[in-house]
Protein backbone atom coordinates (compact mmCIF):
# COMPACT_ATOMS: atom_id res chain seq x y z
CA MET A 1 47.10 110.22 83.21
CA ARG A 2 45.90 113.80 83.21
CA ARG A 3 48.73 116.33 83.09
CA ASN A 4 49.05 120.11 83.08
CA LEU A 5 46.45 120.44 85.79
CA THR A 6 46.02 123.33 88.18
CA LEU A 7 45.91 123.17 91.96
CA ASP A 8 42.13 123.61 91.72
CA ASP A 9 41.95 120.43 89.63
CA ILE A 10 43.31 118.25 92.46
CA GLY A 11 40.88 119.38 95.14
CA ASP A 12 41.89 118.79 98.75
CA LEU A 13 45.14 116.87 98.08
CA LEU A 14 47.39 119.43 99.77
CA GLU A 15 45.14 119.57 102.83
CA LEU A 16 45.43 115.83 103.52
CA PRO A 17 47.95 114.55 106.08
CA LEU A 18 50.16 113.01 103.41
CA VAL A 19 53.88 112.88 104.07
CA ALA A 20 55.80 114.78 101.41
CA VAL A 21 59.19 113.82 100.02
CA LEU A 22 61.79 116.58 100.04
CA GLY A 23 64.65 116.26 97.55
CA LEU A 24 67.99 118.00 98.21
CA HIS A 25 71.31 117.89 96.34
CA ARG A 26 74.26 116.31 98.12
CA SER A 27 77.81 117.52 97.41
CA ASP A 28 78.64 114.25 95.60
CA GLY A 29 75.81 114.87 93.10
CA SER A 30 73.41 112.35 94.58
CA ILE A 31 69.97 113.30 95.87
CA LEU A 32 68.87 113.12 99.51
CA LEU A 33 65.18 112.21 99.74
CA SER A 34 63.56 112.93 103.10
CA PRO A 35 59.98 112.31 104.24
CA VAL A 36 58.65 115.51 105.82
CA TRP A 37 55.53 116.99 107.32
CA HIS A 38 54.49 120.01 105.31
CA GLU A 39 51.85 122.61 104.86
CA PHE A 40 50.80 124.35 101.67
CA ARG A 41 50.10 127.97 102.50
CA ASP A 42 50.09 131.23 100.54
CA GLY A 43 51.05 129.51 97.29
CA GLY A 44 54.04 127.56 98.60
CA PHE A 45 55.21 124.81 100.93
CA ASN A 46 56.50 125.23 104.47
CA VAL A 47 58.59 122.54 106.16
CA TRP A 48 60.03 122.88 109.66
CA VAL A 49 63.44 121.44 110.49
CA SER A 50 64.25 119.77 113.81
CA LEU A 51 67.67 119.76 115.42
CA GLU A 52 68.24 116.31 113.91
CA GLY A 53 67.49 117.73 110.45
CA GLN A 54 70.13 120.45 110.46
CA GLY A 55 72.02 118.61 107.70
CA LYS A 56 69.21 119.62 105.35
CA LEU A 57 70.04 123.26 106.01
CA ARG A 58 73.71 122.73 105.12
CA LEU A 59 72.67 121.15 101.84
CA ILE A 60 70.31 124.05 101.09
CA GLU A 61 73.05 126.59 101.88
CA ARG A 62 75.29 124.85 99.37
CA ASP A 63 72.57 124.43 96.72
CA PRO A 64 69.13 125.95 97.33
CA HIS A 65 67.49 124.14 94.39
CA ILE A 66 65.11 121.63 95.93
CA SER A 67 62.06 119.56 95.02
CA LEU A 68 59.05 118.50 97.04
CA VAL A 69 56.51 115.85 96.02
CA VAL A 70 53.13 115.14 97.59
CA CYS A 71 51.08 112.29 96.16
CA GLU A 72 48.45 109.84 97.25
CA SER A 73 48.72 106.08 97.00
CA ALA A 74 45.06 105.42 96.15
CA ASP A 75 42.87 106.14 93.16
CA PRO A 76 42.89 108.71 91.51
CA TYR A 77 46.61 108.99 92.43
CA ARG A 78 46.77 112.77 92.51
CA GLY A 79 50.14 114.39 92.90
CA VAL A 80 52.09 117.63 92.95
CA GLU A 81 55.79 118.22 92.40
CA MET A 82 57.23 121.65 93.10
CA ARG A 83 60.79 122.60 92.22
CA GLY A 84 62.48 125.87 93.00
CA GLU A 85 64.89 127.71 95.24
CA ALA A 86 64.41 127.18 98.94
CA GLN A 87 64.42 130.06 101.36
CA VAL A 88 65.23 129.41 105.00
CA GLN A 89 63.18 131.56 107.34
CA HIS A 90 63.40 131.92 111.09
CA SER A 91 59.92 133.11 111.92
CA GLY A 92 56.71 131.22 112.51
CA TYR A 93 58.46 128.01 113.59
CA ARG A 94 56.39 127.13 116.68
CA GLU A 95 53.12 127.98 114.92
CA LEU A 96 54.05 125.80 111.94
CA VAL A 97 55.01 122.89 114.20
CA ARG A 98 51.66 123.22 116.01
CA ARG A 99 49.61 123.38 112.79
CA THR A 100 51.35 120.40 111.22
CA SER A 101 51.22 118.41 114.46
CA HIS A 102 47.45 118.81 114.57
CA ARG A 103 47.21 117.83 110.93
CA TYR A 104 49.31 114.68 111.16
CA MET A 105 48.50 113.47 114.68
CA THR A 106 44.99 112.25 115.45
CA ASP A 107 45.01 113.06 119.17
CA ALA A 108 44.84 116.82 119.83
CA ALA A 109 46.42 116.60 123.29
CA GLU A 110 49.29 114.55 121.87
CA ALA A 111 49.75 117.08 119.06
CA ASP A 112 49.86 119.95 121.58
CA ALA A 113 52.35 118.08 123.77
CA PHE A 114 54.56 117.44 120.76
CA ALA A 115 54.44 121.09 119.66
CA ASP A 116 55.13 122.26 123.22
CA SER A 117 58.21 120.03 123.37
CA MET A 118 59.79 121.84 120.41
CA PRO A 119 61.91 125.00 120.69
CA ASP A 120 60.19 128.37 120.29
CA GLU A 121 62.35 129.21 117.28
CA GLY A 122 63.88 127.19 114.51
CA PRO A 123 64.37 127.05 110.76
CA VAL A 124 61.50 126.83 108.29
CA ILE A 125 62.16 125.83 104.70
CA ARG A 126 59.95 127.78 102.31
CA LEU A 127 59.49 126.64 98.73
CA GLU A 128 57.50 128.74 96.31
CA PRO A 129 56.78 127.64 92.75
CA GLY A 130 59.63 127.77 90.32
CA HIS A 131 58.26 124.77 88.44
CA LEU A 132 54.97 123.12 89.33
CA ARG A 133 53.87 119.74 87.95
CA ILE A 134 50.40 118.42 88.83
CA TRP A 135 48.80 115.14 87.77
CA ASP A 136 46.13 112.56 88.48
CA TYR A 137 44.77 109.36 87.00
CA ALA A 138 41.12 110.40 87.15
CA GLU A 139 40.46 109.40 83.52
């Protein structure tokens, strides 16, 4: 396994429609792992939160230290883990939903309909690097 790689070393991994796993701390000390759509933009991850996901925001308010992992399940098994303090933003929600919908859904009309069904505003979790771990099994 190659370790201590840079984002340039893993090519297009963060552009692929791979579901990320978001890790949050519960009050009892356990970890909540949630599959999420994401985008990597301007050096960090953006994740939008639906009404059903509001519990994530309560966990972040209590402890903003989160992790996010994106990895592929085929050779060369590239992956990225980012840990840091989450920031919850309330701008760019609809645009983020639209961009991720088009990335994860194969039918453009379906992606637009999904994005149009979402509220105009909502919370966006932003995670910028505190700790970044990148790997692959290319060798």
